[in-house]
């Protein structure tokens, strides 16, 4: 018997994948979430919360490493290394910056339309900075509820402090940028060498970085890719989060933009599959199975909605990273001499305006929380806010 309900195969149980799972649950759209490892590692607080609050955890399958992606006219399939196959209508690659789904999508696209994905697009993700990050116990001489930046030429210390622990990051510029297909891989020895290089650098009036590193509970070195792809989808496959775009963390918009992808895509899928009885609550709708052409049109709309905004977020994040690491003489003068006089309000305002312009889940009514800067896309009963935000 022909399958009637639309089914989404999500690959990757990170922030974007779990947010999409929640959104599809609220829309009563069937899905399965595949994760190659475990969900909610001990250091992933936001992921843990998202997973713990998911109503139906039976839809989350762990130890499921993707082997191949099949894109047919009437369905999509994900073949897994354990020999099992998941069937659905749409594959969502939320499996990170080194996405297996993206690689498969590129291969399918170029087999279907030669040179559709160019070498130039594959080189979009560029690694210019690395990041030494970790967690340490709270130390005397640094605040307990603060975000602290210590700026230097070519690198930046960043600390998020809590009463019992400190999250630390060192953003460090590499000697040369690294592009696809090359990939930066770091070992524990590499992390120790970077930590030793900065061990005696002060992070407060009484602390040096070595004080944190020696007392860390965990710490490792990662690459910081940057870029926004040209194509977010092909056929029945679509990308979200770091698989489609990546930013440096200095402006703290990477996780938020991944969540936004999930919300925007959920809105797209809901519109694509809902029945004409639009007044029926989402939990009661019977989701239709659109054609491949209809899916293509919907995914193009998703891409058109997201790309301009993501490029703005990318540019803002890149600017903040380079500003804090004195990347040019102009940025050095701006950070060291101009901003202390005028304050950080202009940068904070720009980042806040970007955040306020994010999408909302259109088929769910929630109480709207309002701050100093109003939402650009408020709830239906808050339409007057749009004019204020403009």
Protein backbone atom coordinates (compact mmCIF):
# COMPACT_ATOMS: atom_id res chain seq x y z
CA UNK A 1 0.00 0.00 0.00
CA UNK A 2 1.34 3.43 -0.89
CA UNK A 3 2.71 5.45 2.02
CA UNK A 4 0.46 8.44 2.58
CA UNK A 5 2.18 10.57 5.19
CA UNK A 6 5.09 12.85 4.36
CA UNK A 7 8.28 11.69 6.14
CA UNK A 8 11.46 13.64 6.84
CA UNK A 9 14.84 11.95 7.40
CA UNK A 10 17.04 14.22 9.55
CA UNK A 11 20.74 13.39 9.67
CA UNK A 12 22.60 14.82 12.66
CA UNK A 13 21.31 15.24 16.23
CA UNK A 14 23.00 18.54 16.89
CA UNK A 15 21.23 21.80 17.64
CA UNK A 16 19.72 22.24 14.15
CA UNK A 17 18.55 18.63 13.88
CA UNK A 18 16.94 18.55 17.32
CA UNK A 19 15.22 21.92 16.86
CA UNK A 20 13.79 20.69 13.55
CA UNK A 21 12.60 17.50 15.27
CA UNK A 22 10.72 19.57 17.86
CA UNK A 23 9.20 21.77 15.15
CA UNK A 24 8.05 18.78 13.08
CA UNK A 25 6.50 17.19 16.19
CA UNK A 26 4.44 20.33 16.67
CA UNK A 27 3.31 20.14 13.04
CA UNK A 28 2.44 16.42 13.32
CA UNK A 29 4.87 15.65 10.49
CA UNK A 30 6.55 12.24 10.60
CA UNK A 31 10.34 12.11 10.89
CA UNK A 32 13.32 10.04 11.97
CA UNK A 33 16.50 11.59 13.40
CA UNK A 34 19.75 9.75 12.68
CA UNK A 35 22.92 10.33 14.72
CA UNK A 36 26.23 8.58 14.00
CA UNK A 37 27.36 8.80 17.62
CA UNK A 38 25.53 9.51 20.85
CA UNK A 39 23.05 12.30 21.50
CA UNK A 40 23.64 14.91 24.19
CA UNK A 41 27.33 14.52 25.15
CA UNK A 42 28.18 15.68 28.71
CA UNK A 43 29.56 19.04 27.47
CA UNK A 44 26.62 19.87 25.18
CA UNK A 45 24.19 21.64 27.52
CA UNK A 46 21.84 23.01 24.86
CA UNK A 47 21.77 19.68 23.01
CA UNK A 48 21.00 17.85 26.26
CA UNK A 49 18.02 20.12 26.96
CA UNK A 50 16.68 19.77 23.41
CA UNK A 51 16.96 16.00 23.55
CA UNK A 52 15.49 15.65 27.06
CA UNK A 53 12.45 17.74 26.08
CA UNK A 54 11.75 15.81 22.86
CA UNK A 55 8.36 14.09 23.31
CA UNK A 56 9.08 10.93 21.29
CA UNK A 57 12.67 9.77 21.63
CA UNK A 58 11.93 6.55 19.73
CA UNK A 59 12.34 8.61 16.55
CA UNK A 60 15.98 9.32 17.44
CA UNK A 61 18.31 6.52 16.31
CA UNK A 62 21.94 6.53 17.45
CA UNK A 63 24.96 4.75 15.99
CA UNK A 64 23.56 5.39 12.50
CA UNK A 65 26.38 6.39 10.17
CA UNK A 66 25.35 7.37 6.63
CA UNK A 67 26.77 5.25 3.83
CA UNK A 68 24.83 6.54 0.83
CA UNK A 69 21.95 8.81 -0.18
CA UNK A 70 19.46 7.86 -2.89
CA UNK A 71 17.27 10.51 -4.54
CA UNK A 72 14.42 9.05 -6.62
CA UNK A 73 11.43 10.62 -8.32
CA UNK A 74 8.98 9.29 -5.74
CA UNK A 75 11.09 9.00 -2.56
CA UNK A 76 14.44 9.55 -0.88
CA UNK A 77 16.48 6.90 0.94
CA UNK A 78 19.39 6.97 3.36
CA UNK A 79 21.48 3.80 3.36
CA UNK A 80 23.34 3.25 6.63
CA UNK A 81 26.59 1.44 7.38
CA UNK A 82 24.77 -1.07 9.61
CA UNK A 83 22.85 -2.30 6.55
CA UNK A 84 19.53 -0.64 7.35
CA UNK A 85 17.75 1.83 5.06
CA UNK A 86 15.51 4.74 5.99
CA UNK A 87 12.85 5.77 3.46
CA UNK A 88 11.20 9.18 3.29
CA UNK A 89 10.27 12.15 1.16
CA UNK A 90 12.96 14.64 2.22
CA UNK A 91 16.50 14.27 3.55
CA UNK A 92 17.78 17.04 5.82
CA UNK A 93 21.54 17.30 6.31
CA UNK A 94 22.16 18.76 9.74
CA UNK A 95 25.40 16.82 10.17
CA UNK A 96 27.84 19.67 10.55
CA UNK A 97 30.49 21.51 8.60
CA UNK A 98 32.02 18.27 7.25
CA UNK A 99 28.59 16.97 6.24
CA UNK A 100 28.31 13.50 4.71
CA UNK A 101 24.88 14.41 3.39
CA UNK A 102 26.27 17.50 1.66
CA UNK A 103 28.97 15.43 -0.03
CA UNK A 104 26.33 12.98 -1.29
CA UNK A 105 24.11 15.85 -2.45
CA UNK A 106 26.99 17.36 -4.43
CA UNK A 107 27.65 14.02 -6.13
CA UNK A 108 23.98 13.55 -7.05
CA UNK A 109 23.74 17.14 -8.31
CA UNK A 110 26.80 16.86 -10.56
CA UNK A 111 25.73 13.48 -11.93
CA UNK A 112 22.33 14.95 -12.76
CA UNK A 113 23.57 18.33 -14.03
CA UNK A 114 27.31 18.33 -14.85
CA UNK A 115 29.21 21.10 -13.01
CA UNK A 116 26.09 22.21 -11.11
CA UNK A 117 28.20 22.39 -7.93
CA UNK A 118 31.41 24.12 -8.95
CA UNK A 119 34.88 23.75 -7.46
CA UNK A 120 34.58 27.36 -6.39
CA UNK A 121 31.47 26.62 -4.33
CA UNK A 122 33.12 23.59 -2.73
CA UNK A 123 35.91 25.92 -1.60
CA UNK A 124 33.43 28.29 0.07
CA UNK A 125 34.27 27.09 3.57
CA UNK A 126 37.59 28.68 4.56
CA UNK A 127 39.46 28.12 7.81
CA UNK A 128 41.34 31.26 8.83
CA UNK A 129 41.15 30.86 12.63
CA UNK A 130 41.42 28.03 15.11
CA UNK A 131 39.90 27.95 18.59
CA UNK A 132 41.22 26.47 21.81
CA UNK A 133 38.18 25.96 24.00
CA UNK A 134 37.35 24.29 27.27
CA UNK A 135 35.90 24.42 30.76
CA UNK A 136 37.65 25.21 34.04
CA UNK A 137 36.50 25.73 37.65
CA UNK A 138 35.76 29.26 38.76
CA UNK A 139 38.93 31.19 39.67
CA UNK A 140 39.42 34.17 42.01
CA UNK A 141 40.10 37.34 40.09
CA UNK A 142 37.45 36.93 37.40
CA UNK A 143 33.69 37.57 37.56
CA UNK A 144 30.99 34.96 38.12
CA UNK A 145 28.34 36.14 35.65
CA UNK A 146 30.34 37.91 32.97
CA UNK A 147 31.38 37.73 29.34
CA UNK A 148 35.01 38.83 29.15
CA UNK A 149 37.09 39.61 26.05
CA UNK A 150 40.84 40.19 26.05
CA UNK A 151 41.95 41.40 22.63
CA UNK A 152 45.40 41.05 21.10
CA UNK A 153 47.10 41.10 17.72
CA UNK A 154 46.14 37.86 15.94
CA UNK A 155 44.19 36.30 18.80
CA UNK A 156 41.40 36.93 21.30
CA UNK A 157 40.59 35.48 24.71
CA UNK A 158 36.88 35.03 25.43
CA UNK A 159 35.42 33.87 28.75
CA UNK A 160 31.85 33.11 29.80
CA UNK A 161 31.82 32.90 33.58
CA UNK A 162 29.37 31.22 35.94
CA UNK A 163 29.44 30.82 39.72
CA UNK A 164 30.97 27.33 39.50
CA UNK A 165 32.85 27.25 36.17
CA UNK A 166 34.37 29.21 33.31
CA UNK A 167 33.97 28.50 29.60
CA UNK A 168 37.06 29.72 27.77
CA UNK A 169 37.98 30.22 24.12
CA UNK A 170 41.08 31.48 22.35
CA UNK A 171 40.48 32.48 18.74
CA UNK A 172 43.84 32.35 16.98
CA UNK A 173 44.63 33.29 13.38
CA UNK A 174 46.37 30.63 11.30
CA UNK A 175 49.50 31.42 9.26
CA UNK A 176 47.61 30.60 6.04
CA UNK A 177 43.91 29.98 5.26
CA UNK A 178 42.85 26.38 4.58
CA UNK A 179 40.27 25.54 1.88
CA UNK A 180 38.40 22.44 0.72
CA UNK A 181 39.34 19.67 0.10
CA UNK A 182 42.02 20.22 2.76
CA UNK A 183 40.83 19.93 6.33
CA UNK A 184 42.49 21.00 9.55
CA UNK A 185 42.68 18.16 12.08
CA UNK A 186 44.09 18.76 15.56
CA UNK A 187 45.43 16.37 18.19
CA UNK A 188 45.71 16.67 21.95
CA UNK A 189 49.39 17.51 21.44
CA UNK A 190 48.40 20.41 19.16
CA UNK A 191 46.08 21.75 21.87
CA UNK A 192 48.86 21.54 24.47
CA UNK A 193 51.24 23.45 22.19
CA UNK A 194 48.76 26.28 21.63
CA UNK A 195 47.96 26.44 25.36
CA UNK A 196 51.67 26.64 26.17
CA UNK A 197 52.08 29.52 23.70
CA UNK A 198 49.47 31.58 25.56
CA UNK A 199 50.07 30.26 29.10
CA UNK A 200 51.69 33.45 30.43
CA UNK A 201 49.30 35.89 28.79
CA UNK A 202 47.19 37.82 31.34
CA UNK A 203 43.41 37.40 31.29
CA UNK A 204 42.75 39.60 34.34
CA UNK A 205 44.73 41.68 36.80
CA UNK A 206 45.69 38.54 38.76
CA UNK A 207 45.33 35.60 36.35
CA UNK A 208 47.15 34.26 33.32
CA UNK A 209 45.67 31.78 30.87
CA UNK A 210 47.85 28.98 32.19
CA UNK A 211 45.93 29.13 35.49
CA UNK A 212 42.77 28.11 33.64
CA UNK A 213 44.41 25.52 31.41
CA UNK A 214 46.13 23.68 34.27
CA UNK A 215 42.83 23.37 36.15
CA UNK A 216 40.60 22.59 33.15
CA UNK A 217 38.07 19.78 33.26
CA UNK A 218 38.20 19.55 29.47
CA UNK A 219 39.83 21.38 26.58
CA UNK A 220 40.51 20.83 22.89
CA UNK A 221 41.52 22.62 19.69
CA UNK A 222 39.13 23.01 16.74
CA UNK A 223 39.12 24.76 13.38
CA UNK A 224 36.77 27.69 12.74
CA UNK A 225 35.42 27.46 9.21
CA UNK A 226 33.64 30.42 7.64
CA UNK A 227 31.39 30.62 4.59
CA UNK A 228 27.88 30.48 3.12
CA UNK A 229 27.22 27.97 0.34
CA UNK A 230 25.51 28.94 -2.90
CA UNK A 231 23.19 25.92 -2.98
CA UNK A 232 21.35 24.74 0.12
CA UNK A 233 19.43 21.98 -1.66
CA UNK A 234 19.21 19.67 -4.63
CA UNK A 235 16.40 17.27 -5.44
CA UNK A 236 15.02 15.81 -2.21
CA UNK A 237 18.00 16.85 -0.07
CA UNK A 238 18.35 20.10 1.87
CA UNK A 239 21.04 21.42 4.23
CA UNK A 240 20.70 23.25 7.53
CA UNK A 241 23.11 24.68 10.09
CA UNK A 242 26.85 24.26 9.70
CA UNK A 243 26.35 21.96 6.70
CA UNK A 244 25.18 25.01 4.71
CA UNK A 245 26.92 27.94 6.42
CA UNK A 246 29.50 28.51 9.13
CA UNK A 247 30.55 31.55 11.14
CA UNK A 248 33.12 32.29 13.81
CA UNK A 249 31.69 32.34 17.37
CA UNK A 250 32.78 35.86 18.41
CA UNK A 251 29.35 37.39 17.70
CA UNK A 252 27.59 34.35 19.24
CA UNK A 253 25.27 33.83 16.25
CA UNK A 254 26.28 30.39 14.98
CA UNK A 255 23.89 28.34 17.10
CA UNK A 256 21.09 30.87 16.68
CA UNK A 257 21.39 30.85 12.89
CA UNK A 258 21.27 27.03 12.89
CA UNK A 259 18.06 27.15 14.93
CA UNK A 260 16.64 29.70 12.52
CA UNK A 261 17.30 27.32 9.61
CA UNK A 262 15.29 24.65 11.39
CA UNK A 263 12.39 27.02 12.03
CA UNK A 264 12.38 28.34 8.46
CA UNK A 265 12.54 24.82 7.02
CA UNK A 266 9.77 23.59 9.35
CA UNK A 267 7.57 26.47 8.15
CA UNK A 268 8.38 25.49 4.56
CA UNK A 269 7.54 21.81 5.12
CA UNK A 270 4.34 22.69 6.96
CA UNK A 271 3.14 24.87 4.09
CA UNK A 272 4.17 22.19 1.60
CA UNK A 273 2.27 19.35 3.24
CA UNK A 274 -0.77 20.82 4.94
CA UNK A 275 -4.24 20.17 3.59
CA UNK A 276 -6.54 22.97 2.31
CA UNK A 277 -8.26 23.06 5.73
CA UNK A 278 -5.82 25.67 6.97
CA UNK A 279 -7.98 26.49 9.96
CA UNK A 280 -7.41 23.00 11.36
CA UNK A 281 -4.80 22.94 14.15
CA UNK A 282 -1.43 21.57 13.08
CA UNK A 283 -1.81 18.53 15.35
CA UNK A 284 -4.96 17.49 13.48
CA UNK A 285 -3.86 17.93 9.87
CA UNK A 286 -3.32 15.04 7.49
CA UNK A 287 -0.05 15.76 5.74
CA UNK A 288 -0.10 15.25 1.97
CA UNK A 289 2.81 13.93 -0.12
CA UNK A 290 3.83 16.60 -2.61
CA UNK A 291 5.64 15.80 -5.83
CA UNK A 292 9.38 16.19 -6.32
CA UNK A 293 8.76 19.32 -8.36
CA UNK A 294 6.65 20.82 -5.57
CA UNK A 295 9.42 20.00 -3.10
CA UNK A 296 11.95 21.73 -5.35
CA UNK A 297 9.83 24.90 -5.47
CA UNK A 298 9.45 24.88 -1.68
CA UNK A 299 13.16 24.36 -1.05
CA UNK A 300 14.03 27.16 -3.45
CA UNK A 301 11.82 29.45 -1.37
CA UNK A 302 13.60 28.28 1.80
CA UNK A 303 16.99 28.99 0.23
CA UNK A 304 15.90 32.40 -1.04
CA UNK A 305 14.65 33.31 2.43
CA UNK A 306 17.74 32.21 4.32
CA UNK A 307 20.75 33.14 2.18
CA UNK A 308 20.61 36.97 2.36
CA UNK A 309 20.20 36.89 6.13
CA UNK A 310 22.94 34.31 6.61
CA UNK A 311 25.35 36.37 4.56
CA UNK A 312 24.68 39.33 6.86
CA UNK A 313 25.29 37.14 9.92
CA UNK A 314 28.46 35.78 8.34
CA UNK A 315 29.78 39.26 7.57
CA UNK A 316 28.93 40.60 11.04
CA UNK A 317 30.62 37.62 12.73
CA UNK A 318 33.70 37.90 10.52
CA UNK A 319 33.95 41.61 11.30
CA UNK A 320 33.77 41.08 15.07
CA UNK A 321 36.38 38.30 14.93
CA UNK A 322 38.83 40.44 12.97
CA UNK A 323 38.07 43.53 15.03
CA UNK A 324 38.89 41.74 18.28
CA UNK A 325 42.11 40.29 16.87
CA UNK A 326 43.36 43.59 15.39
CA UNK A 327 43.43 42.11 11.88
CA UNK A 328 44.32 45.46 10.24
CA UNK A 329 45.65 48.78 11.46
CA UNK A 330 42.22 50.32 10.96
CA UNK A 331 40.56 47.65 13.11
CA UNK A 332 43.29 48.02 15.72
CA UNK A 333 42.64 51.75 15.98
CA UNK A 334 38.89 51.17 16.05
CA UNK A 335 39.05 48.54 18.80
CA UNK A 336 41.81 50.09 20.90
CA UNK A 337 41.02 53.80 20.67
CA UNK A 338 37.62 54.54 19.13
CA UNK A 339 35.37 51.95 20.81
CA UNK A 340 36.62 52.76 24.35
CA UNK A 341 35.43 56.33 23.71
CA UNK A 342 32.04 55.59 22.12
CA UNK A 343 31.36 52.23 23.77
CA UNK A 344 30.22 48.92 22.29
CA UNK A 345 26.62 50.06 21.86
CA UNK A 346 26.81 50.32 18.01
CA UNK A 347 28.06 46.73 17.66
CA UNK A 348 25.61 45.40 20.24
CA UNK A 349 22.79 47.24 18.48
CA UNK A 350 23.69 45.76 15.09
CA UNK A 351 23.91 42.22 16.48
CA UNK A 352 20.62 42.69 18.36
CA UNK A 353 18.86 43.94 15.23
CA UNK A 354 20.07 40.86 13.38
CA UNK A 355 18.68 38.65 16.13
CA UNK A 356 15.33 40.45 16.15
CA UNK A 357 14.87 39.75 12.43
CA UNK A 358 14.93 35.97 12.83
CA UNK A 359 12.00 33.80 11.65
CA UNK A 360 9.29 32.51 13.98
CA UNK A 361 7.43 29.20 13.93
CA UNK A 362 4.38 30.33 11.99
CA UNK A 363 1.98 27.52 12.91
CA UNK A 364 2.40 27.65 16.70
CA UNK A 365 0.97 30.35 18.96
CA UNK A 366 3.18 31.24 21.92
CA UNK A 367 3.40 34.13 24.31
CA UNK A 368 5.69 36.71 22.77
CA UNK A 369 8.52 38.03 24.93
CA UNK A 370 9.56 41.56 24.05
CA UNK A 371 12.84 43.38 24.66
CA UNK A 372 14.28 46.78 23.86
CA UNK A 373 14.40 45.98 20.14
CA UNK A 374 11.07 44.62 18.87
CA UNK A 375 10.72 41.55 16.68
CA UNK A 376 10.62 42.10 12.93
CA UNK A 377 8.32 39.09 12.56
CA UNK A 378 6.08 39.27 15.64
CA UNK A 379 3.15 37.04 16.51
CA UNK A 380 -0.04 37.84 14.54
CA UNK A 381 -1.50 39.93 17.36
CA UNK A 382 1.71 42.03 17.53
CA UNK A 383 1.80 43.31 13.94
CA UNK A 384 2.24 46.86 15.09
CA UNK A 385 5.81 45.94 16.12
CA UNK A 386 6.92 45.61 12.51
CA UNK A 387 6.67 49.36 11.93
CA UNK A 388 8.63 50.09 15.10
CA UNK A 389 11.43 47.67 14.07
CA UNK A 390 11.70 49.18 10.60
